[in-house]
Amino acid sequence: RQDISVAEAYLEEILSKSYSPQPGTGSRKNFDDVDDYLNFPDGPPANESGTLIAGLSNYTVHIAITDGTNLGTVPAKRVDVTVTGPGGISTTLTGYRTDY
C-alpha cells in the first residue's frame, strides 16, 4: 500500500537523525536531529529537497514528535508519522529515537 510506503520512508528519515538537538536547522534537507521535525507542516509527500512526489498529491503527511518518553531507563522520543490517503483513510506508523 502506498500510504505505508510513504510513512515508512518518512519514519526512516527521521529516525536516522540525532536524538539531541544540533545547531542550525534551515530547510528539511539540512535537518540533523529529530526535533527539527517539530511543527513540520502537513502536506503532500515530498523528497528532502521539498519536491513533491509525482502521483501522490492526494496524500497528506503529518509528523508528531513526543519528547519525554522512556524505554525502560533509556530516554526516547516518540515519532508518529500519519499518512492520509484517498477517501480519508489514515495510517500511522510509530518509532522511537533513543538517546544512546
Protein backbone atom coordinates (compact mmCIF):
# COMPACT_ATOMS: atom_id res chain seq x y z
CA ARG A 1 0.00 0.00 0.00
CA GLN A 2 1.24 3.44 -0.93
CA ASP A 3 0.35 5.05 2.41
CA ILE A 4 2.55 2.57 4.29
CA SER A 5 5.45 3.10 1.90
CA VAL A 6 5.27 6.87 2.37
CA ALA A 7 5.04 6.58 6.17
CA GLU A 8 7.99 4.14 6.26
CA ALA A 9 10.15 6.49 4.19
CA TYR A 10 9.46 9.47 6.45
CA LEU A 11 9.92 7.42 9.63
CA GLU A 12 13.24 6.02 8.39
CA GLU A 13 14.45 9.52 7.53
CA ILE A 14 13.51 10.96 10.93
CA LEU A 15 14.87 8.08 13.00
CA SER A 16 18.22 8.34 11.21
CA LYS A 17 18.74 11.82 12.72
CA SER A 18 20.43 12.64 16.01
CA TYR A 19 18.48 12.43 19.27
CA SER A 20 19.97 15.62 20.70
CA PRO A 21 19.34 18.99 19.11
CA GLN A 22 22.17 20.12 16.85
CA PRO A 23 22.99 23.71 15.88
CA GLY A 24 21.27 25.07 12.80
CA THR A 25 18.17 23.93 11.03
CA GLY A 26 17.02 25.60 7.86
CA SER A 27 15.24 23.53 5.26
CA ARG A 28 14.39 19.86 5.54
CA LYS A 29 17.45 18.77 3.55
CA ASN A 30 19.53 20.26 6.40
CA PHE A 31 17.58 18.66 9.26
CA ASP A 32 20.07 16.88 11.51
CA ASP A 33 18.07 15.96 14.61
CA VAL A 34 14.62 14.62 15.45
CA ASP A 35 13.46 17.92 16.96
CA ASP A 36 13.88 19.64 13.59
CA TYR A 37 10.67 17.86 12.58
CA LEU A 38 8.62 19.54 15.34
CA ASN A 39 5.97 21.72 13.70
CA PHE A 40 6.70 20.11 10.32
CA PRO A 41 3.85 21.36 8.11
CA ASP A 42 1.25 18.86 6.98
CA GLY A 43 1.26 18.42 3.24
CA PRO A 44 1.64 16.05 0.34
CA PRO A 45 4.68 13.74 0.30
CA ALA A 46 7.89 15.38 -0.88
CA ASN A 47 11.56 14.49 -1.00
CA GLU A 48 14.08 16.12 1.33
CA SER A 49 14.60 18.97 -1.14
CA GLY A 50 10.89 19.80 -0.99
CA THR A 51 9.99 18.50 -4.43
CA LEU A 52 6.53 16.92 -4.41
CA ILE A 53 6.47 13.25 -5.32
CA ALA A 54 4.58 12.72 -8.56
CA GLY A 55 1.27 10.91 -8.27
CA LEU A 56 0.91 11.42 -4.51
CA SER A 57 -0.77 14.82 -4.38
CA ASN A 58 -3.92 13.22 -2.92
CA TYR A 59 -1.96 12.05 0.17
CA THR A 60 -1.11 14.12 3.24
CA VAL A 61 1.73 13.54 5.70
CA HIS A 62 1.54 14.59 9.37
CA ILE A 63 4.50 14.21 11.75
CA ALA A 64 4.27 14.31 15.56
CA ILE A 65 7.27 14.19 17.88
CA THR A 66 6.73 13.46 21.59
CA ASP A 67 9.61 14.09 23.96
CA GLY A 68 9.92 12.75 27.50
CA THR A 69 9.29 9.11 26.69
CA ASN A 70 11.42 6.40 28.30
CA LEU A 71 12.02 2.89 27.06
CA GLY A 72 12.99 1.27 30.33
CA THR A 73 15.69 3.61 31.61
CA VAL A 74 16.66 4.99 28.20
CA PRO A 75 15.32 8.43 27.21
CA ALA A 76 13.48 8.33 23.90
CA LYS A 77 11.44 10.48 21.55
CA ARG A 78 8.30 9.01 20.04
CA VAL A 79 7.84 9.70 16.34
CA ASP A 80 4.39 9.26 14.77
CA VAL A 81 4.03 9.59 11.01
CA THR A 82 0.44 9.65 9.79
CA VAL A 83 -0.34 9.43 6.10
CA THR A 84 -3.87 10.15 4.97
CA GLY A 85 -4.76 8.91 1.53
CA PRO A 86 -7.68 8.99 -0.85
CA GLY A 87 -11.01 8.63 0.89
CA GLY A 88 -9.61 9.97 4.15
CA ILE A 89 -8.10 6.65 5.20
CA SER A 90 -5.20 7.26 7.64
CA THR A 91 -2.27 5.04 8.53
CA THR A 92 0.07 5.84 11.43
CA LEU A 93 3.50 4.30 11.96
CA THR A 94 5.35 4.87 15.22
CA GLY A 95 9.03 4.64 16.03
CA TYR A 96 11.32 5.68 18.85
CA ARG A 97 14.63 7.51 18.67
CA THR A 98 16.63 6.75 21.77
CA ASP A 99 19.41 8.75 23.41
CA TYR A 100 22.39 6.46 23.29
